[in-house]
């Protein structure tokens, strides 16, 4: 007899594709899929979808930024994640030119010990020099195999210029690791910023003008070309625009080892929100785009030209985002780790024709494969971790900050009607969320050491 049997649901992401069957769990792993399985505990999933837990491969918990810190801790943020059907997150180290990457990893692992769900890390690379190549090898030995670069934010010291980027990509290629890149062209941004009038800095809508799609597309092209010549796998984070997608398509036509993600905010919100009374609360980088951009990104998702959905979860409270008179004085980031799965199901599956199988690939299978976690994560295969989400495809509800768990007092999707809701979340076979009640234990999450 199995420890847990989830009965009667439609299993998506199993070894035989989508099928109506029982799913059995022994200990922390999926043990069997079949009919009439017996368990010590039985969970009725009739009429429900049984999905592999989502992997949010781009989150920022407790991130120091702009003189403050993102408002979700690893505890509050991973609790909220589980309530939204996310069972694995990948966060980032806090890089510095004064510390080594292994030191950054060790510090971040201390921060992450409060996590309710399993987690991995990307290493942020700041102040790259070839003499630091040993740090990447040591990071891989510590279980961190993806390295984050910025082509913007030179004023804060985070930008890596093209020469250093190419050099770092060569090392990453030799090690068999993965480069991940925030792609916005700093020179274009600086040129635009230098031409702005003083009064434009006091208009939140100028953010979209100052960081246009052209700066994304230019950087995507440069980054993938450098990666191709260096022989490194590369992943573009938070692709936000039609021009950026066009650049990605061109790049992928000559280099197959390039992938990209987009985020719910670039699929569901537009730059029109900047004109509202609370427009400053939507500060994010890249900036929000036009309705044309959202439509093009949706089309690309449905065609699976974009590999995954991640959230870039970087939440702040209203107080932290209080308007100080200039759009450049705001911390950039939006909450999203809890809301992504139901939002994309509601808009994508229920309205736009995205298949449930594609949804699972975007949220689970593809991120697991790209980041070296498959099939332990990202699938409901025999032997995989029993990270399972029971999802009600028919429940209708209204999204509000009042019915969410993220540590914010603002929801970008306030009042949005949603169809589809997480009913139950299991992490490694343990029910940690069920019917609105969270029962997980702080610190139960484990660090996922990855290998090249």
Protein backbone atom coordinates (compact mmCIF):
# COMPACT_ATOMS: atom_id res chain seq x y z
CA UNK A 1 0.00 0.00 0.00
CA UNK A 2 1.32 3.42 -0.96
CA UNK A 3 1.64 6.32 1.46
CA UNK A 4 -0.54 8.67 -0.60
CA UNK A 5 -2.75 8.07 -3.61
CA UNK A 6 -4.23 10.94 -5.61
CA UNK A 7 -7.28 9.43 -7.26
CA UNK A 8 -9.34 10.21 -10.31
CA UNK A 9 -7.57 13.29 -11.64
CA UNK A 10 -6.28 14.10 -15.12
CA UNK A 11 -2.51 13.64 -14.82
CA UNK A 12 -0.46 16.01 -16.98
CA UNK A 13 3.29 15.57 -17.26
CA UNK A 14 3.34 11.86 -16.58
CA UNK A 15 5.42 9.27 -18.47
CA UNK A 16 2.51 8.45 -20.77
CA UNK A 17 1.49 12.04 -21.42
CA UNK A 18 -1.91 13.23 -20.26
CA UNK A 19 -4.07 10.48 -18.79
CA UNK A 20 -6.87 9.98 -16.31
CA UNK A 21 -5.36 7.80 -13.61
CA UNK A 22 -4.37 7.50 -9.97
CA UNK A 23 -0.97 8.74 -8.87
CA UNK A 24 0.75 6.98 -5.96
CA UNK A 25 3.47 8.33 -3.70
CA UNK A 26 5.86 6.43 -1.47
CA UNK A 27 7.95 8.56 0.83
CA UNK A 28 9.02 11.62 -1.14
CA UNK A 29 8.71 10.23 -4.65
CA UNK A 30 6.20 9.25 -7.29
CA UNK A 31 5.86 5.48 -7.03
CA UNK A 32 3.17 4.46 -9.51
CA UNK A 33 0.58 5.68 -11.99
CA UNK A 34 -2.36 3.44 -12.75
CA UNK A 35 -5.90 2.45 -11.90
CA UNK A 36 -7.40 1.50 -8.53
CA UNK A 37 -4.21 2.15 -6.56
CA UNK A 38 -4.45 1.83 -2.78
CA UNK A 39 -3.04 4.29 -0.30
CA UNK A 40 -2.90 4.96 3.42
CA UNK A 41 -4.10 8.45 2.56
CA UNK A 42 -6.37 9.05 -0.41
CA UNK A 43 -6.85 12.47 -1.99
CA UNK A 44 -9.85 12.79 -4.30
CA UNK A 45 -8.86 14.72 -7.43
CA UNK A 46 -11.99 14.00 -9.47
CA UNK A 47 -12.53 16.77 -12.01
CA UNK A 48 -9.10 18.20 -11.24
CA UNK A 49 -5.82 18.51 -13.09
CA UNK A 50 -2.85 16.79 -11.45
CA UNK A 51 0.26 18.73 -12.45
CA UNK A 52 3.94 18.61 -11.59
CA UNK A 53 4.79 21.43 -9.20
CA UNK A 54 5.75 24.61 -10.99
CA UNK A 55 9.35 25.77 -11.01
CA UNK A 56 9.79 29.52 -10.76
CA UNK A 57 13.33 29.86 -12.03
CA UNK A 58 13.61 33.62 -11.50
CA UNK A 59 12.83 35.03 -8.06
CA UNK A 60 14.41 37.63 -5.78
CA UNK A 61 13.75 37.04 -2.09
CA UNK A 62 15.32 39.42 0.44
CA UNK A 63 17.15 41.23 -2.37
CA UNK A 64 19.02 44.42 -1.41
CA UNK A 65 18.11 47.01 -4.05
CA UNK A 66 17.79 50.81 -4.24
CA UNK A 67 18.41 51.32 -0.55
CA UNK A 68 15.78 48.83 0.53
CA UNK A 69 15.17 45.08 0.37
CA UNK A 70 12.52 43.11 -1.50
CA UNK A 71 9.69 42.53 0.93
CA UNK A 72 9.40 38.73 0.77
CA UNK A 73 11.80 36.72 2.87
CA UNK A 74 12.71 33.18 1.85
CA UNK A 75 10.07 32.09 4.36
CA UNK A 76 7.19 34.34 3.31
CA UNK A 77 8.03 34.12 -0.37
CA UNK A 78 8.25 30.33 -0.54
CA UNK A 79 5.06 29.99 1.49
CA UNK A 80 3.28 32.19 -1.04
CA UNK A 81 4.87 30.21 -3.86
CA UNK A 82 3.46 26.94 -2.54
CA UNK A 83 0.00 28.49 -2.27
CA UNK A 84 0.29 29.29 -5.97
CA UNK A 85 1.42 25.81 -7.02
CA UNK A 86 5.17 26.51 -7.12
CA UNK A 87 7.26 23.78 -5.47
CA UNK A 88 10.75 24.88 -6.55
CA UNK A 89 12.29 28.34 -6.84
CA UNK A 90 15.65 29.45 -8.18
CA UNK A 91 16.95 32.61 -6.55
CA UNK A 92 20.19 34.52 -7.02
CA UNK A 93 23.29 35.24 -5.04
CA UNK A 94 23.98 38.89 -4.28
CA UNK A 95 27.11 39.48 -6.32
CA UNK A 96 29.92 41.91 -5.57
CA UNK A 97 33.26 42.81 -7.07
CA UNK A 98 34.67 42.67 -3.52
CA UNK A 99 33.60 39.07 -2.81
CA UNK A 100 34.06 35.79 -4.62
CA UNK A 101 31.22 33.83 -6.18
CA UNK A 102 31.70 30.91 -3.72
CA UNK A 103 31.48 33.37 -0.82
CA UNK A 104 28.28 34.82 -2.30
CA UNK A 105 26.82 31.33 -2.57
CA UNK A 106 27.62 30.42 1.03
CA UNK A 107 26.01 33.64 2.30
CA UNK A 108 22.88 33.15 0.23
CA UNK A 109 22.48 29.56 1.37
CA UNK A 110 22.27 30.86 4.94
CA UNK A 111 19.47 33.26 3.91
CA UNK A 112 17.59 30.48 2.11
CA UNK A 113 17.49 28.02 5.02
CA UNK A 114 14.02 29.25 6.05
CA UNK A 115 12.45 28.10 2.76
CA UNK A 116 9.30 25.99 2.82
CA UNK A 117 9.99 24.49 -0.60
CA UNK A 118 13.07 23.29 -2.46
CA UNK A 119 15.38 25.86 -4.00
CA UNK A 120 18.43 26.31 -6.18
CA UNK A 121 20.63 29.32 -6.90
CA UNK A 122 22.00 31.27 -9.83
CA UNK A 123 25.33 33.04 -9.25
CA UNK A 124 25.32 36.75 -10.02
CA UNK A 125 28.59 37.76 -11.69
CA UNK A 126 29.79 41.27 -10.86
CA UNK A 127 33.20 42.65 -11.77
CA UNK A 128 34.25 39.78 -14.05
CA UNK A 129 37.96 39.27 -14.74
CA UNK A 130 39.55 36.21 -16.28
CA UNK A 131 41.50 35.66 -13.07
CA UNK A 132 38.15 34.84 -11.43
CA UNK A 133 37.56 31.77 -13.61
CA UNK A 134 38.35 29.50 -10.66
CA UNK A 135 35.28 30.92 -8.90
CA UNK A 136 32.98 29.45 -11.53
CA UNK A 137 34.57 26.02 -11.18
CA UNK A 138 34.18 26.20 -7.40
CA UNK A 139 30.56 27.37 -7.79
CA UNK A 140 29.82 24.30 -9.91
CA UNK A 141 31.36 22.11 -7.22
CA UNK A 142 28.97 23.80 -4.76
CA UNK A 143 26.00 22.91 -6.99
CA UNK A 144 25.47 26.24 -8.77
CA UNK A 145 25.72 25.86 -12.55
CA UNK A 146 24.09 29.02 -13.94
CA UNK A 147 25.72 32.46 -13.95
CA UNK A 148 23.84 35.77 -14.22
CA UNK A 149 25.08 38.80 -16.14
CA UNK A 150 23.68 42.28 -16.81
CA UNK A 151 24.23 44.32 -19.95
CA UNK A 152 22.77 47.35 -18.15
CA UNK A 153 22.96 49.04 -14.72
CA UNK A 154 26.50 50.31 -15.18
CA UNK A 155 25.96 53.02 -12.56
CA UNK A 156 25.52 50.35 -9.88
CA UNK A 157 28.49 48.34 -11.10
CA UNK A 158 26.41 45.39 -12.29
CA UNK A 159 27.00 45.79 -16.02
CA UNK A 160 29.44 43.49 -17.80
CA UNK A 161 30.75 44.98 -21.05
CA UNK A 162 30.97 42.99 -24.27
CA UNK A 163 34.63 42.08 -24.00
CA UNK A 164 34.34 40.76 -20.47
CA UNK A 165 31.07 39.05 -21.36
CA UNK A 166 32.69 37.17 -24.24
CA UNK A 167 35.58 36.15 -22.01
CA UNK A 168 33.22 34.91 -19.28
CA UNK A 169 31.12 33.03 -21.86
CA UNK A 170 34.23 31.19 -23.04
CA UNK A 171 34.87 29.95 -19.51
CA UNK A 172 31.21 28.97 -19.08
CA UNK A 173 31.29 27.09 -22.37
CA UNK A 174 34.41 25.18 -21.36
CA UNK A 175 32.81 24.24 -18.04
CA UNK A 176 29.51 23.17 -19.62
CA UNK A 177 27.58 25.65 -17.49
CA UNK A 178 24.83 28.14 -18.44
CA UNK A 179 24.96 31.91 -18.86
CA UNK A 180 21.78 33.81 -18.06
CA UNK A 181 21.49 37.43 -19.09
CA UNK A 182 19.45 40.52 -18.33
CA UNK A 183 19.56 41.94 -21.85
CA UNK A 184 19.10 45.70 -22.24
CA UNK A 185 21.57 47.86 -24.16
CA UNK A 186 23.14 50.36 -21.74
CA UNK A 187 24.37 52.75 -24.43
CA UNK A 188 20.91 53.18 -25.95
CA UNK A 189 19.37 53.72 -22.51
CA UNK A 190 22.01 56.32 -21.58
CA UNK A 191 21.54 58.14 -24.88
CA UNK A 192 17.79 58.40 -24.32
CA UNK A 193 18.15 59.38 -20.67
CA UNK A 194 20.55 62.19 -21.55
CA UNK A 195 17.98 63.67 -23.94
CA UNK A 196 15.09 63.75 -21.45
CA UNK A 197 13.74 67.04 -20.17
CA UNK A 198 13.62 67.56 -16.41
CA UNK A 199 9.82 67.39 -16.37
CA UNK A 200 9.89 63.98 -18.07
CA UNK A 201 11.66 62.45 -15.08
CA UNK A 202 8.59 63.32 -12.98
CA UNK A 203 6.30 61.37 -15.34
CA UNK A 204 6.09 57.64 -14.61
CA UNK A 205 5.21 56.94 -18.24
CA UNK A 206 8.72 58.03 -19.23
CA UNK A 207 10.05 54.72 -17.92
CA UNK A 208 8.73 52.96 -21.03
CA UNK A 209 10.27 55.62 -23.26
CA UNK A 210 13.64 55.46 -21.51
CA UNK A 211 14.01 51.67 -21.81
CA UNK A 212 12.35 50.87 -25.16
CA UNK A 213 12.10 47.51 -26.95
CA UNK A 214 15.03 48.51 -29.17
CA UNK A 215 17.41 48.34 -26.23
CA UNK A 216 16.21 44.80 -25.46
CA UNK A 217 16.44 43.59 -29.05
CA UNK A 218 19.94 45.01 -29.54
CA UNK A 219 21.22 43.37 -26.39
CA UNK A 220 19.59 40.01 -27.16
CA UNK A 221 21.29 39.98 -30.57
CA UNK A 222 24.69 40.85 -29.11
CA UNK A 223 24.45 38.38 -26.25
CA UNK A 224 23.44 35.37 -28.34
CA UNK A 225 26.07 36.11 -30.99
CA UNK A 226 28.77 36.30 -28.32
CA UNK A 227 27.51 33.07 -26.74
CA UNK A 228 27.54 31.31 -30.11
CA UNK A 229 31.13 32.35 -30.80
CA UNK A 230 32.17 31.40 -27.26
CA UNK A 231 30.38 28.06 -27.36
CA UNK A 232 28.26 28.73 -24.28
CA UNK A 233 24.62 27.93 -23.62
CA UNK A 234 22.73 31.15 -22.95
CA UNK A 235 19.31 31.98 -21.51
CA UNK A 236 17.63 35.38 -21.85
CA UNK A 237 15.56 36.37 -18.84
CA UNK A 238 12.27 38.34 -18.87
CA UNK A 239 11.85 38.81 -22.63
CA UNK A 240 9.31 41.61 -22.86
CA UNK A 241 8.75 42.82 -26.40
CA UNK A 242 7.98 41.97 -30.01
CA UNK A 243 11.35 43.40 -31.06
CA UNK A 244 13.12 41.32 -28.44
CA UNK A 245 11.33 38.23 -29.73
CA UNK A 246 12.30 39.08 -33.31
CA UNK A 247 15.94 39.28 -32.21
CA UNK A 248 15.61 35.96 -30.40
CA UNK A 249 14.12 34.30 -33.49
CA UNK A 250 17.01 35.51 -35.63
CA UNK A 251 19.52 34.37 -33.04
CA UNK A 252 17.98 30.93 -32.66
CA UNK A 253 18.09 30.48 -36.44
CA UNK A 254 21.86 30.17 -36.20
CA UNK A 255 22.37 29.10 -32.59
CA UNK A 256 20.27 26.35 -31.06
CA UNK A 257 21.71 26.70 -27.54
CA UNK A 258 19.81 29.92 -26.83
CA UNK A 259 16.60 29.92 -24.77
CA UNK A 260 14.41 32.59 -23.22
CA UNK A 261 11.66 33.17 -20.69
CA UNK A 262 8.93 35.73 -20.38
CA UNK A 263 6.93 36.83 -17.34
CA UNK A 264 3.22 37.23 -16.56
CA UNK A 265 3.53 41.02 -16.34
CA UNK A 266 4.62 41.19 -19.99
CA UNK A 267 1.68 39.04 -21.01
CA UNK A 268 -1.07 40.66 -18.92
CA UNK A 269 -0.09 44.27 -18.28
CA UNK A 270 0.78 47.16 -20.58
CA UNK A 271 2.54 50.50 -20.19
CA UNK A 272 -0.89 52.15 -19.94
CA UNK A 273 -0.82 51.38 -16.20
CA UNK A 274 1.90 54.04 -15.80
CA UNK A 275 -0.71 56.69 -16.53
CA UNK A 276 -2.80 55.70 -13.50
CA UNK A 277 -2.75 57.28 -10.06
CA UNK A 278 -0.72 54.33 -8.76
CA UNK A 279 1.39 53.99 -11.89
CA UNK A 280 4.62 54.17 -9.93
CA UNK A 281 3.77 50.87 -8.21
CA UNK A 282 4.31 49.11 -11.56
CA UNK A 283 7.97 50.10 -11.84
CA UNK A 284 9.83 47.17 -13.35
CA UNK A 285 12.76 46.51 -15.62
CA UNK A 286 12.33 45.84 -18.48
CA UNK A 287 9.49 48.32 -18.64
CA UNK A 288 5.96 47.24 -19.47
CA UNK A 289 5.15 47.36 -23.17
CA UNK A 290 2.22 47.84 -25.56
CA UNK A 291 -0.78 45.60 -26.23
CA UNK A 292 0.89 44.65 -29.53
CA UNK A 293 3.87 43.30 -27.60
CA UNK A 294 1.66 41.25 -25.28
CA UNK A 295 -0.18 39.71 -28.24
CA UNK A 296 3.06 38.80 -30.02
CA UNK A 297 4.44 37.21 -26.85
CA UNK A 298 1.26 35.18 -26.38
CA UNK A 299 1.50 33.93 -29.95
CA UNK A 300 5.11 32.92 -29.34
CA UNK A 301 4.17 31.10 -26.13
CA UNK A 302 1.44 29.13 -27.87
CA UNK A 303 3.93 28.20 -30.60
CA UNK A 304 6.45 27.42 -27.83
CA UNK A 305 9.11 29.70 -29.26
CA UNK A 306 9.68 30.88 -25.69
CA UNK A 307 10.93 28.11 -23.43
CA UNK A 308 9.47 29.00 -20.06
CA UNK A 309 7.50 31.35 -17.87
CA UNK A 310 9.21 32.77 -14.79
CA UNK A 311 8.09 35.69 -12.65
CA UNK A 312 11.11 37.84 -11.77
CA UNK A 313 9.32 38.01 -8.40
CA UNK A 314 10.78 41.07 -6.68
CA UNK A 315 8.07 42.52 -4.41
CA UNK A 316 7.92 45.83 -2.59
CA UNK A 317 5.30 47.45 -0.37
CA UNK A 318 3.57 50.71 -1.12
CA UNK A 319 5.79 52.41 1.42
CA UNK A 320 8.92 51.09 -0.26
CA UNK A 321 7.64 52.36 -3.60
CA UNK A 322 6.46 55.72 -2.32
CA UNK A 323 6.71 58.29 -5.12
CA UNK A 324 9.66 60.62 -4.61
CA UNK A 325 9.12 62.70 -7.72
CA UNK A 326 11.20 60.80 -10.29
CA UNK A 327 10.77 57.40 -11.93
CA UNK A 328 14.50 56.79 -11.50
CA UNK A 329 14.17 56.88 -7.69
CA UNK A 330 11.98 53.77 -7.43
CA UNK A 331 12.96 50.19 -6.69
CA UNK A 332 12.06 48.09 -9.74
CA UNK A 333 10.16 44.85 -9.39
CA UNK A 334 6.71 43.27 -9.08
CA UNK A 335 5.25 40.43 -7.02
CA UNK A 336 4.28 37.31 -8.94
CA UNK A 337 5.45 33.99 -7.50
CA UNK A 338 2.00 33.09 -6.16
CA UNK A 339 -0.13 34.38 -9.02
CA UNK A 340 1.66 33.17 -12.17
CA UNK A 341 0.19 29.69 -12.58
CA UNK A 342 -3.50 30.62 -12.12
CA UNK A 343 -3.11 33.78 -14.22
CA UNK A 344 -1.51 31.99 -17.17
CA UNK A 345 -4.00 29.13 -16.93
CA UNK A 346 -6.91 31.57 -16.86
CA UNK A 347 -5.72 33.77 -19.72
CA UNK A 348 -3.72 31.24 -21.72
CA UNK A 349 -5.54 27.93 -21.38
CA UNK A 350 -9.10 29.14 -20.80
CA UNK A 351 -9.08 32.01 -23.30
CA UNK A 352 -6.21 31.80 -25.80
CA UNK A 353 -5.91 28.13 -26.67
CA UNK A 354 -2.71 27.29 -24.82
CA UNK A 355 -2.78 23.55 -24.16
CA UNK A 356 -2.46 22.17 -20.65
CA UNK A 357 0.49 20.10 -21.84
CA UNK A 358 2.22 23.28 -23.04
CA UNK A 359 1.43 24.94 -19.70
CA UNK A 360 3.28 22.13 -17.92
CA UNK A 361 6.23 22.42 -20.27
CA UNK A 362 6.44 26.18 -19.70
CA UNK A 363 6.14 26.02 -15.91
CA UNK A 364 7.81 22.72 -15.06
CA UNK A 365 9.43 20.49 -17.68
CA UNK A 366 11.41 23.09 -19.63
CA UNK A 367 12.83 24.99 -16.65
CA UNK A 368 13.79 21.65 -15.09
CA UNK A 369 15.62 20.61 -18.25
CA UNK A 370 17.31 23.95 -18.88
CA UNK A 371 18.54 24.23 -15.30
CA UNK A 372 19.58 20.61 -14.80
CA UNK A 373 16.78 19.50 -12.47
CA UNK A 374 14.96 17.03 -14.75
CA UNK A 375 13.54 14.44 -14.06
CA UNK A 376 13.91 14.93 -10.30
CA UNK A 377 11.77 18.02 -10.79
CA UNK A 378 9.43 19.13 -13.55
CA UNK A 379 7.64 15.84 -14.21
CA UNK A 380 5.43 13.21 -12.65
CA UNK A 381 7.59 10.25 -13.64
CA UNK A 382 8.19 7.19 -11.52
CA UNK A 383 11.04 8.14 -9.19
CA UNK A 384 10.58 11.90 -9.59
CA UNK A 385 10.13 13.99 -6.48
CA UNK A 386 6.45 13.99 -5.56
CA UNK A 387 5.99 17.71 -6.15
CA UNK A 388 2.35 17.72 -7.17
CA UNK A 389 -0.29 20.37 -7.71
CA UNK A 390 -3.99 19.54 -7.76
CA UNK A 391 -5.57 22.29 -9.81
CA UNK A 392 -9.26 23.08 -10.20
CA UNK A 393 -9.71 24.26 -13.81
CA UNK A 394 -13.24 25.52 -13.24
CA UNK A 395 -13.11 27.55 -10.03
CA UNK A 396 -13.74 31.23 -10.64
CA UNK A 397 -12.39 33.84 -8.27
CA UNK A 398 -11.26 37.44 -8.14
CA UNK A 399 -7.59 38.17 -7.58
CA UNK A 400 -6.88 40.58 -4.75
CA UNK A 401 -4.10 41.39 -2.34
CA UNK A 402 -6.55 40.33 0.37
CA UNK A 403 -6.64 36.68 -0.76
CA UNK A 404 -2.92 36.24 -1.48
CA UNK A 405 0.04 35.39 0.76
CA UNK A 406 2.93 37.42 -0.65
CA UNK A 407 4.32 40.04 1.73
CA UNK A 408 2.90 43.01 -0.15
CA UNK A 409 -0.01 45.42 0.15
CA UNK A 410 -0.41 45.81 -3.60
CA UNK A 411 -1.46 43.34 -6.30
CA UNK A 412 -0.73 44.26 -9.94
CA UNK A 413 -3.79 42.23 -10.96
CA UNK A 414 -6.21 43.57 -8.35
CA UNK A 415 -9.83 42.84 -9.29
CA UNK A 416 -8.96 40.54 -12.19
CA UNK A 417 -11.43 37.69 -12.74
CA UNK A 418 -9.56 34.38 -12.81
CA UNK A 419 -10.71 30.92 -13.85
CA UNK A 420 -8.63 28.13 -12.34
CA UNK A 421 -7.17 27.80 -8.86
CA UNK A 422 -4.67 25.71 -6.94
CA UNK A 423 -6.48 23.41 -4.56
CA UNK A 424 -3.64 21.35 -3.09
CA UNK A 425 0.17 21.49 -3.20
CA UNK A 426 2.42 18.60 -2.24
CA UNK A 427 6.17 19.07 -1.85
CA UNK A 428 8.15 15.83 -1.86
CA UNK A 429 5.00 13.91 -0.98
CA UNK A 430 3.92 16.18 1.88
CA UNK A 431 0.71 18.18 1.65
CA UNK A 432 1.76 21.70 2.57
CA UNK A 433 -1.26 23.58 1.21
CA UNK A 434 -4.86 22.44 0.91
CA UNK A 435 -8.10 24.33 0.37
CA UNK A 436 -6.73 27.64 1.61
CA UNK A 437 -4.88 26.22 4.61
CA UNK A 438 -1.08 26.21 4.67
CA UNK A 439 0.54 23.51 6.83
CA UNK A 440 4.19 23.51 5.75
CA UNK A 441 7.06 23.79 8.22
CA UNK A 442 9.55 26.61 7.90
CA UNK A 443 12.95 25.33 6.82
CA UNK A 444 11.70 22.08 5.26
CA UNK A 445 12.89 23.16 1.82
CA UNK A 446 16.15 21.67 0.54
CA UNK A 447 18.94 23.12 -1.54
CA UNK A 448 19.12 21.50 -4.96
CA UNK A 449 22.74 21.08 -5.94
CA UNK A 450 22.97 20.87 -9.72
CA UNK A 451 25.61 19.32 -11.94
CA UNK A 452 26.94 20.06 -15.42
